[in-house]
Full PDB file with SEQRES, HELIX, SHEET, SSBOND, CRYST1, ORIGX, SCALE, CONECT and MASTER records, all heavy atoms in Angstrom:
SEQRES   1 A   35  ILE GLY ILE GLU ALA ARG GLY PHE ILE PHE ALA PRO ALA          
SEQRES   2 A   35  MET ALA TYR GLN LEU GLY ALA GLY PHE VAL PRO ALA ARG          
SEQRES   3 A   35  LYS PRO GLY LYS LEU PRO SER GLU CYS                          
HELIX    1 AA1 GLY A    7  LEU A   18  1                                  12    
SHEET    1 AA1 2 GLY A   2  ILE A   3  0                                        
SHEET    2 AA1 2 PRO A  24  ALA A  25  1                                        
CRYST1    1.000    1.000    1.000  90.00  90.00  90.00 P 1           1          
ORIGX1      1.000000  0.000000  0.000000        0.00000                         
ORIGX2      0.000000  1.000000  0.000000        0.00000                         
ORIGX3      0.000000  0.000000  1.000000        0.00000                         
SCALE1      1.000000  0.000000  0.000000        0.00000                         
SCALE2      0.000000  1.000000  0.000000        0.00000                         
SCALE3      0.000000  0.000000  1.000000        0.00000                         
ATOM      1  N   ILE A   1      -0.557 -58.788 -32.089  1.00  0.00           N  
ATOM      2  CA  ILE A   1       0.715 -59.479 -32.300  1.00  0.00           C  
ATOM      3  C   ILE A   1       1.634 -58.570 -33.095  1.00  0.00           C  
ATOM      4  O   ILE A   1       1.254 -58.064 -34.152  1.00  0.00           O  
ATOM      5  CB  ILE A   1       0.502 -60.806 -33.054  1.00  0.00           C  
ATOM      6  CG1 ILE A   1      -0.319 -61.756 -32.179  1.00  0.00           C  
ATOM      7  CG2 ILE A   1       1.844 -61.430 -33.439  1.00  0.00           C  
ATOM      8  CD1 ILE A   1      -0.674 -63.053 -32.845  1.00  0.00           C  
ATOM      9  N   GLY A   2       2.837 -58.381 -32.582  1.00  0.00           N  
ATOM     10  CA  GLY A   2       3.860 -57.611 -33.282  1.00  0.00           C  
ATOM     11  C   GLY A   2       4.885 -58.543 -33.874  1.00  0.00           C  
ATOM     12  O   GLY A   2       5.379 -59.445 -33.209  1.00  0.00           O  
ATOM     13  N   ILE A   3       5.171 -58.331 -35.162  1.00  0.00           N  
ATOM     14  CA  ILE A   3       6.150 -59.159 -35.868  1.00  0.00           C  
ATOM     15  C   ILE A   3       7.544 -58.559 -35.670  1.00  0.00           C  
ATOM     16  O   ILE A   3       7.740 -57.357 -35.852  1.00  0.00           O  
ATOM     17  CB  ILE A   3       5.808 -59.253 -37.369  1.00  0.00           C  
ATOM     18  CG1 ILE A   3       4.415 -59.851 -37.566  1.00  0.00           C  
ATOM     19  CG2 ILE A   3       6.867 -60.065 -38.108  1.00  0.00           C  
ATOM     20  CD1 ILE A   3       3.928 -59.852 -39.007  1.00  0.00           C  
ATOM     21  N   GLU A   4       8.496 -59.421 -35.282  1.00  0.00           N  
ATOM     22  CA  GLU A   4       9.875 -58.970 -35.067  1.00  0.00           C  
ATOM     23  C   GLU A   4      10.417 -58.360 -36.343  1.00  0.00           C  
ATOM     24  O   GLU A   4      10.231 -58.910 -37.428  1.00  0.00           O  
ATOM     25  CB  GLU A   4      10.742 -60.167 -34.648  1.00  0.00           C  
ATOM     26  CG  GLU A   4      12.114 -59.739 -34.229  1.00  0.00           C  
ATOM     27  CD  GLU A   4      12.899 -60.850 -33.518  1.00  0.00           C  
ATOM     28  OE1 GLU A   4      12.337 -61.862 -33.105  1.00  0.00           O  
ATOM     29  OE2 GLU A   4      14.100 -60.665 -33.383  1.00  0.00           O  
ATOM     30  N   ALA A   5      11.062 -57.253 -36.270  1.00  0.00           N  
ATOM     31  CA  ALA A   5      11.366 -56.483 -35.075  1.00  0.00           C  
ATOM     32  C   ALA A   5      10.553 -55.197 -35.033  1.00  0.00           C  
ATOM     33  O   ALA A   5      10.142 -54.743 -33.973  1.00  0.00           O  
ATOM     34  CB  ALA A   5      12.848 -56.130 -35.028  1.00  0.00           C  
ATOM     35  N   ARG A   6      10.307 -54.584 -36.171  1.00  0.00           N  
ATOM     36  CA  ARG A   6       9.652 -53.275 -36.135  1.00  0.00           C  
ATOM     37  C   ARG A   6       8.180 -53.335 -35.753  1.00  0.00           C  
ATOM     38  O   ARG A   6       7.610 -52.342 -35.319  1.00  0.00           O  
ATOM     39  CB  ARG A   6       9.889 -52.535 -37.455  1.00  0.00           C  
ATOM     40  CG  ARG A   6      11.349 -52.081 -37.570  1.00  0.00           C  
ATOM     41  CD  ARG A   6      11.625 -51.333 -38.842  1.00  0.00           C  
ATOM     42  NE  ARG A   6      11.468 -52.148 -40.020  1.00  0.00           N  
ATOM     43  CZ  ARG A   6      12.433 -52.858 -40.594  1.00  0.00           C  
ATOM     44  NH1 ARG A   6      13.635 -52.880 -40.075  1.00  0.00           N  
ATOM     45  NH2 ARG A   6      12.205 -53.562 -41.673  1.00  0.00           N  
ATOM     46  N   GLY A   7       7.568 -54.492 -35.861  1.00  0.00           N  
ATOM     47  CA  GLY A   7       6.199 -54.633 -35.368  1.00  0.00           C  
ATOM     48  C   GLY A   7       6.118 -54.437 -33.863  1.00  0.00           C  
ATOM     49  O   GLY A   7       5.075 -54.067 -33.323  1.00  0.00           O  
ATOM     50  N   PHE A   8       7.261 -54.647 -33.177  1.00  0.00           N  
ATOM     51  CA  PHE A   8       7.313 -54.447 -31.729  1.00  0.00           C  
ATOM     52  C   PHE A   8       7.143 -52.976 -31.362  1.00  0.00           C  
ATOM     53  O   PHE A   8       6.804 -52.656 -30.233  1.00  0.00           O  
ATOM     54  CB  PHE A   8       8.643 -54.921 -31.160  1.00  0.00           C  
ATOM     55  CG  PHE A   8       8.890 -56.399 -31.234  1.00  0.00           C  
ATOM     56  CD1 PHE A   8      10.089 -56.912 -30.812  1.00  0.00           C  
ATOM     57  CD2 PHE A   8       7.948 -57.285 -31.734  1.00  0.00           C  
ATOM     58  CE1 PHE A   8      10.357 -58.269 -30.861  1.00  0.00           C  
ATOM     59  CE2 PHE A   8       8.196 -58.648 -31.791  1.00  0.00           C  
ATOM     60  CZ  PHE A   8       9.400 -59.138 -31.353  1.00  0.00           C  
ATOM     61  N   ILE A   9       7.402 -52.074 -32.291  1.00  0.00           N  
ATOM     62  CA  ILE A   9       7.260 -50.645 -32.030  1.00  0.00           C  
ATOM     63  C   ILE A   9       5.788 -50.260 -31.949  1.00  0.00           C  
ATOM     64  O   ILE A   9       5.389 -49.454 -31.110  1.00  0.00           O  
ATOM     65  CB  ILE A   9       7.968 -49.828 -33.135  1.00  0.00           C  
ATOM     66  CG1 ILE A   9       9.466 -50.134 -33.137  1.00  0.00           C  
ATOM     67  CG2 ILE A   9       7.703 -48.330 -32.967  1.00  0.00           C  
ATOM     68  CD1 ILE A   9      10.190 -49.655 -34.386  1.00  0.00           C  
ATOM     69  N   PHE A  10       4.980 -50.839 -32.824  1.00  0.00           N  
ATOM     70  CA  PHE A  10       3.589 -50.407 -32.977  1.00  0.00           C  
ATOM     71  C   PHE A  10       2.592 -51.249 -32.195  1.00  0.00           C  
ATOM     72  O   PHE A  10       1.630 -50.731 -31.646  1.00  0.00           O  
ATOM     73  CB  PHE A  10       3.223 -50.395 -34.464  1.00  0.00           C  
ATOM     74  CG  PHE A  10       4.166 -49.559 -35.260  1.00  0.00           C  
ATOM     75  CD1 PHE A  10       5.173 -50.138 -36.015  1.00  0.00           C  
ATOM     76  CD2 PHE A  10       4.092 -48.178 -35.215  1.00  0.00           C  
ATOM     77  CE1 PHE A  10       6.075 -49.358 -36.724  1.00  0.00           C  
ATOM     78  CE2 PHE A  10       4.992 -47.388 -35.907  1.00  0.00           C  
ATOM     79  CZ  PHE A  10       5.989 -47.979 -36.669  1.00  0.00           C  
ATOM     80  N   ALA A  11       2.800 -52.543 -32.152  1.00  0.00           N  
ATOM     81  CA  ALA A  11       1.817 -53.449 -31.551  1.00  0.00           C  
ATOM     82  C   ALA A  11       1.558 -53.191 -30.068  1.00  0.00           C  
ATOM     83  O   ALA A  11       0.396 -53.182 -29.653  1.00  0.00           O  
ATOM     84  CB  ALA A  11       2.223 -54.902 -31.797  1.00  0.00           C  
ATOM     85  N   PRO A  12       2.580 -52.976 -29.234  1.00  0.00           N  
ATOM     86  CA  PRO A  12       2.274 -52.738 -27.816  1.00  0.00           C  
ATOM     87  C   PRO A  12       1.458 -51.461 -27.594  1.00  0.00           C  
ATOM     88  O   PRO A  12       0.548 -51.446 -26.758  1.00  0.00           O  
ATOM     89  CB  PRO A  12       3.653 -52.634 -27.163  1.00  0.00           C  
ATOM     90  CG  PRO A  12       4.571 -53.362 -28.078  1.00  0.00           C  
ATOM     91  CD  PRO A  12       4.018 -53.120 -29.449  1.00  0.00           C  
ATOM     92  N   ALA A  13       1.774 -50.410 -28.338  1.00  0.00           N  
ATOM     93  CA  ALA A  13       1.011 -49.160 -28.199  1.00  0.00           C  
ATOM     94  C   ALA A  13      -0.432 -49.355 -28.657  1.00  0.00           C  
ATOM     95  O   ALA A  13      -1.369 -48.844 -28.027  1.00  0.00           O  
ATOM     96  CB  ALA A  13       1.688 -48.038 -28.991  1.00  0.00           C  
ATOM     97  N   MET A  14      -0.621 -50.105 -29.728  1.00  0.00           N  
ATOM     98  CA  MET A  14      -1.974 -50.409 -30.190  1.00  0.00           C  
ATOM     99  C   MET A  14      -2.717 -51.232 -29.140  1.00  0.00           C  
ATOM    100  O   MET A  14      -3.880 -50.955 -28.841  1.00  0.00           O  
ATOM    101  CB  MET A  14      -1.930 -51.171 -31.517  1.00  0.00           C  
ATOM    102  CG  MET A  14      -1.479 -50.367 -32.703  1.00  0.00           C  
ATOM    103  SD  MET A  14      -1.357 -51.408 -34.180  1.00  0.00           S  
ATOM    104  CE  MET A  14      -3.075 -51.879 -34.420  1.00  0.00           C  
ATOM    105  N   ALA A  15      -2.053 -52.245 -28.614  1.00  0.00           N  
ATOM    106  CA  ALA A  15      -2.679 -53.111 -27.605  1.00  0.00           C  
ATOM    107  C   ALA A  15      -3.111 -52.282 -26.397  1.00  0.00           C  
ATOM    108  O   ALA A  15      -4.224 -52.451 -25.886  1.00  0.00           O  
ATOM    109  CB  ALA A  15      -1.710 -54.215 -27.184  1.00  0.00           C  
ATOM    110  N   TYR A  16      -2.255 -51.396 -25.957  1.00  0.00           N  
ATOM    111  CA  TYR A  16      -2.575 -50.539 -24.821  1.00  0.00           C  
ATOM    112  C   TYR A  16      -3.843 -49.733 -25.092  1.00  0.00           C  
ATOM    113  O   TYR A  16      -4.760 -49.691 -24.272  1.00  0.00           O  
ATOM    114  CB  TYR A  16      -1.388 -49.613 -24.530  1.00  0.00           C  
ATOM    115  CG  TYR A  16      -1.668 -48.601 -23.446  1.00  0.00           C  
ATOM    116  CD1 TYR A  16      -1.625 -48.956 -22.105  1.00  0.00           C  
ATOM    117  CD2 TYR A  16      -1.978 -47.288 -23.773  1.00  0.00           C  
ATOM    118  CE1 TYR A  16      -1.888 -48.028 -21.113  1.00  0.00           C  
ATOM    119  CE2 TYR A  16      -2.246 -46.354 -22.794  1.00  0.00           C  
ATOM    120  CZ  TYR A  16      -2.196 -46.725 -21.460  1.00  0.00           C  
ATOM    121  OH  TYR A  16      -2.469 -45.801 -20.494  1.00  0.00           O  
ATOM    122  N   GLN A  17      -3.895 -49.093 -26.254  1.00  0.00           N  
ATOM    123  CA  GLN A  17      -5.052 -48.255 -26.586  1.00  0.00           C  
ATOM    124  C   GLN A  17      -6.325 -49.069 -26.800  1.00  0.00           C  
ATOM    125  O   GLN A  17      -7.428 -48.574 -26.572  1.00  0.00           O  
ATOM    126  CB  GLN A  17      -4.763 -47.389 -27.815  1.00  0.00           C  
ATOM    127  CG  GLN A  17      -3.842 -46.243 -27.517  1.00  0.00           C  
ATOM    128  CD  GLN A  17      -3.840 -45.200 -28.615  1.00  0.00           C  
ATOM    129  OE1 GLN A  17      -4.640 -45.227 -29.535  1.00  0.00           O  
ATOM    130  NE2 GLN A  17      -2.915 -44.269 -28.516  1.00  0.00           N  
ATOM    131  N   LEU A  18      -6.181 -50.316 -27.253  1.00  0.00           N  
ATOM    132  CA  LEU A  18      -7.350 -51.166 -27.503  1.00  0.00           C  
ATOM    133  C   LEU A  18      -7.764 -51.978 -26.278  1.00  0.00           C  
ATOM    134  O   LEU A  18      -8.762 -52.698 -26.322  1.00  0.00           O  
ATOM    135  CB  LEU A  18      -7.070 -52.111 -28.674  1.00  0.00           C  
ATOM    136  CG  LEU A  18      -6.931 -51.453 -30.044  1.00  0.00           C  
ATOM    137  CD1 LEU A  18      -6.393 -52.450 -31.074  1.00  0.00           C  
ATOM    138  CD2 LEU A  18      -8.261 -50.863 -30.504  1.00  0.00           C  
ATOM    139  N   GLY A  19      -7.005 -51.875 -25.202  1.00  0.00           N  
ATOM    140  CA  GLY A  19      -7.302 -52.670 -24.010  1.00  0.00           C  
ATOM    141  C   GLY A  19      -7.066 -54.146 -24.240  1.00  0.00           C  
ATOM    142  O   GLY A  19      -7.763 -54.996 -23.686  1.00  0.00           O  
ATOM    143  N   ALA A  20      -6.077 -54.455 -25.067  1.00  0.00           N  
ATOM    144  CA  ALA A  20      -5.760 -55.839 -25.442  1.00  0.00           C  
ATOM    145  C   ALA A  20      -4.378 -56.208 -24.912  1.00  0.00           C  
ATOM    146  O   ALA A  20      -3.633 -55.352 -24.428  1.00  0.00           O  
ATOM    147  CB  ALA A  20      -5.800 -55.978 -26.965  1.00  0.00           C  
ATOM    148  N   GLY A  21      -4.038 -57.475 -25.039  1.00  0.00           N  
ATOM    149  CA  GLY A  21      -2.700 -57.927 -24.699  1.00  0.00           C  
ATOM    150  C   GLY A  21      -1.781 -57.812 -25.899  1.00  0.00           C  
ATOM    151  O   GLY A  21      -2.225 -57.651 -27.042  1.00  0.00           O  
ATOM    152  N   PHE A  22      -0.489 -57.906 -25.643  1.00  0.00           N  
ATOM    153  CA  PHE A  22       0.525 -57.887 -26.701  1.00  0.00           C  
ATOM    154  C   PHE A  22       1.260 -59.215 -26.716  1.00  0.00           C  
ATOM    155  O   PHE A  22       1.628 -59.746 -25.663  1.00  0.00           O  
ATOM    156  CB  PHE A  22       1.528 -56.756 -26.471  1.00  0.00           C  
ATOM    157  CG  PHE A  22       2.796 -56.916 -27.273  1.00  0.00           C  
ATOM    158  CD1 PHE A  22       2.783 -56.778 -28.648  1.00  0.00           C  
ATOM    159  CD2 PHE A  22       3.995 -57.235 -26.649  1.00  0.00           C  
ATOM    160  CE1 PHE A  22       3.953 -56.946 -29.392  1.00  0.00           C  
ATOM    161  CE2 PHE A  22       5.164 -57.399 -27.379  1.00  0.00           C  
ATOM    162  CZ  PHE A  22       5.140 -57.250 -28.755  1.00  0.00           C  
ATOM    163  N   VAL A  23       1.485 -59.751 -27.926  1.00  0.00           N  
ATOM    164  CA  VAL A  23       2.238 -60.992 -28.110  1.00  0.00           C  
ATOM    165  C   VAL A  23       3.281 -60.760 -29.190  1.00  0.00           C  
ATOM    166  O   VAL A  23       2.939 -60.289 -30.284  1.00  0.00           O  
ATOM    167  CB  VAL A  23       1.298 -62.155 -28.513  1.00  0.00           C  
ATOM    168  CG1 VAL A  23       2.099 -63.363 -28.976  1.00  0.00           C  
ATOM    169  CG2 VAL A  23       0.383 -62.526 -27.366  1.00  0.00           C  
ATOM    170  N   PRO A  24       4.547 -61.114 -28.925  1.00  0.00           N  
ATOM    171  CA  PRO A  24       5.562 -61.007 -29.966  1.00  0.00           C  
ATOM    172  C   PRO A  24       5.635 -62.265 -30.821  1.00  0.00           C  
ATOM    173  O   PRO A  24       5.529 -63.374 -30.316  1.00  0.00           O  
ATOM    174  CB  PRO A  24       6.855 -60.827 -29.169  1.00  0.00           C  
ATOM    175  CG  PRO A  24       6.605 -61.550 -27.886  1.00  0.00           C  
ATOM    176  CD  PRO A  24       5.122 -61.413 -27.608  1.00  0.00           C  
ATOM    177  N   ALA A  25       5.804 -62.076 -32.118  1.00  0.00           N  
ATOM    178  CA  ALA A  25       6.146 -63.162 -33.046  1.00  0.00           C  
ATOM    179  C   ALA A  25       7.633 -62.978 -33.335  1.00  0.00           C  
ATOM    180  O   ALA A  25       8.029 -61.972 -33.925  1.00  0.00           O  
ATOM    181  CB  ALA A  25       5.327 -63.085 -34.315  1.00  0.00           C  
ATOM    182  N   ARG A  26       8.453 -63.954 -32.893  1.00  0.00           N  
ATOM    183  CA  ARG A  26       9.894 -63.768 -32.889  1.00  0.00           C  
ATOM    184  C   ARG A  26      10.624 -64.780 -33.764  1.00  0.00           C  
ATOM    185  O   ARG A  26      10.099 -65.827 -34.104  1.00  0.00           O  
ATOM    186  CB  ARG A  26      10.414 -63.913 -31.455  1.00  0.00           C  
ATOM    187  CG  ARG A  26       9.760 -62.924 -30.529  1.00  0.00           C  
ATOM    188  CD  ARG A  26      10.645 -62.243 -29.575  1.00  0.00           C  
ATOM    189  NE  ARG A  26      11.872 -61.705 -30.131  1.00  0.00           N  
ATOM    190  CZ  ARG A  26      12.910 -61.352 -29.388  1.00  0.00           C  
ATOM    191  NH1 ARG A  26      12.874 -61.525 -28.082  1.00  0.00           N  
ATOM    192  NH2 ARG A  26      13.986 -60.846 -29.937  1.00  0.00           N  
ATOM    193  N   LYS A  27      11.863 -64.446 -34.062  1.00  0.00           N  
ATOM    194  CA  LYS A  27      12.756 -65.375 -34.741  1.00  0.00           C  
ATOM    195  C   LYS A  27      13.027 -66.549 -33.797  1.00  0.00           C  
ATOM    196  O   LYS A  27      12.975 -66.403 -32.582  1.00  0.00           O  
ATOM    197  CB  LYS A  27      14.077 -64.690 -35.109  1.00  0.00           C  
ATOM    198  CG  LYS A  27      13.910 -63.490 -36.022  1.00  0.00           C  
ATOM    199  CD  LYS A  27      13.506 -63.898 -37.409  1.00  0.00           C  
ATOM    200  CE  LYS A  27      13.440 -62.670 -38.312  1.00  0.00           C  
ATOM    201  NZ  LYS A  27      12.868 -62.971 -39.602  1.00  0.00           N  
ATOM    202  N   PRO A  28      13.325 -67.722 -34.344  1.00  0.00           N  
ATOM    203  CA  PRO A  28      13.565 -68.904 -33.501  1.00  0.00           C  
ATOM    204  C   PRO A  28      14.676 -68.684 -32.472  1.00  0.00           C  
ATOM    205  O   PRO A  28      15.653 -67.989 -32.725  1.00  0.00           O  
ATOM    206  CB  PRO A  28      13.974 -69.975 -34.517  1.00  0.00           C  
ATOM    207  CG  PRO A  28      13.296 -69.555 -35.783  1.00  0.00           C  
ATOM    208  CD  PRO A  28      13.361 -68.053 -35.771  1.00  0.00           C  
ATOM    209  N   GLY A  29      14.448 -69.278 -31.302  1.00  0.00           N  
ATOM    210  CA  GLY A  29      15.442 -69.245 -30.251  1.00  0.00           C  
ATOM    211  C   GLY A  29      15.376 -68.033 -29.333  1.00  0.00           C  
ATOM    212  O   GLY A  29      16.217 -67.888 -28.446  1.00  0.00           O  
ATOM    213  N   LYS A  30      14.398 -67.172 -29.502  1.00  0.00           N  
ATOM    214  CA  LYS A  30      14.313 -65.946 -28.702  1.00  0.00           C  
ATOM    215  C   LYS A  30      13.299 -66.041 -27.565  1.00  0.00           C  
ATOM    216  O   LYS A  30      13.320 -65.211 -26.662  1.00  0.00           O  
ATOM    217  CB  LYS A  30      13.933 -64.754 -29.590  1.00  0.00           C  
ATOM    218  CG  LYS A  30      14.867 -64.506 -30.742  1.00  0.00           C  
ATOM    219  CD  LYS A  30      16.152 -63.899 -30.273  1.00  0.00           C  
ATOM    220  CE  LYS A  30      17.023 -63.539 -31.468  1.00  0.00           C  
ATOM    221  NZ  LYS A  30      18.231 -62.870 -31.068  1.00  0.00           N  
ATOM    222  N   LEU A  31      12.396 -66.989 -27.618  1.00  0.00           N  
ATOM    223  CA  LEU A  31      11.350 -67.108 -26.604  1.00  0.00           C  
ATOM    224  C   LEU A  31      11.671 -68.267 -25.664  1.00  0.00           C  
ATOM    225  O   LEU A  31      12.102 -69.333 -26.108  1.00  0.00           O  
ATOM    226  CB  LEU A  31       9.986 -67.315 -27.270  1.00  0.00           C  
ATOM    227  CG  LEU A  31       9.486 -66.133 -28.102  1.00  0.00           C  
ATOM    228  CD1 LEU A  31       8.246 -66.521 -28.905  1.00  0.00           C  
ATOM    229  CD2 LEU A  31       9.194 -64.931 -27.213  1.00  0.00           C  
ATOM    230  N   PRO A  32      11.431 -68.101 -24.352  1.00  0.00           N  
ATOM    231  CA  PRO A  32      11.917 -69.066 -23.372  1.00  0.00           C  
ATOM    232  C   PRO A  32      11.044 -70.288 -23.117  1.00  0.00           C  
ATOM    233  O   PRO A  32      11.509 -71.258 -22.533  1.00  0.00           O  
ATOM    234  CB  PRO A  32      12.003 -68.230 -22.089  1.00  0.00           C  
ATOM    235  CG  PRO A  32      10.919 -67.222 -22.245  1.00  0.00           C  
ATOM    236  CD  PRO A  32      10.899 -66.901 -23.714  1.00  0.00           C  
ATOM    237  N   SER A  33       9.792 -70.271 -23.530  1.00  0.00           N  
ATOM    238  CA  SER A  33       8.901 -71.379 -23.205  1.00  0.00           C  
ATOM    239  C   SER A  33       8.581 -72.170 -24.473  1.00  0.00           C  
ATOM    240  O   SER A  33       9.113 -71.893 -25.545  1.00  0.00           O  
ATOM    241  CB  SER A  33       7.622 -70.824 -22.562  1.00  0.00           C  
ATOM    242  OG  SER A  33       6.867 -71.867 -21.996  1.00  0.00           O  
ATOM    243  N   GLU A  34       7.683 -73.151 -24.341  1.00  0.00           N  
ATOM    244  CA  GLU A  34       7.328 -73.992 -25.487  1.00  0.00           C  
ATOM    245  C   GLU A  34       6.716 -73.136 -26.593  1.00  0.00           C  
ATOM    246  O   GLU A  34       5.805 -72.347 -26.356  1.00  0.00           O  
ATOM    247  CB  GLU A  34       6.335 -75.067 -25.057  1.00  0.00           C  
ATOM    248  CG  GLU A  34       6.031 -76.057 -26.153  1.00  0.00           C  
ATOM    249  CD  GLU A  34       5.034 -77.121 -25.717  1.00  0.00           C  
ATOM    250  OE1 GLU A  34       4.722 -77.210 -24.522  1.00  0.00           O  
ATOM    251  OE2 GLU A  34       4.573 -77.847 -26.608  1.00  0.00           O  
ATOM    252  N   CYS A  35       7.224 -73.326 -27.809  1.00  0.00           N  
ATOM    253  CA  CYS A  35       6.832 -72.479 -28.936  1.00  0.00           C  
ATOM    254  C   CYS A  35       6.181 -73.262 -30.063  1.00  0.00           C  
ATOM    255  O   CYS A  35       6.484 -74.433 -30.276  1.00  0.00           O  
ATOM    256  CB  CYS A  35       8.062 -71.765 -29.514  1.00  0.00           C  
ATOM    257  SG  CYS A  35       8.754 -70.532 -28.413  1.00  0.00           S  
TER     258      CYS A  35                                                      
MASTER        0    0    0    1    2    0    0    6  257    1    0    3          
END                                                                             
């Protein structure tokens, strides 16, 4: 999980190397589905 905003820089690259998925933790109103 990458915390908005600078966590988004590191978390996806880590997830890729670990063979894991990436999930963003975002400020309210930025995600389109049920939160």
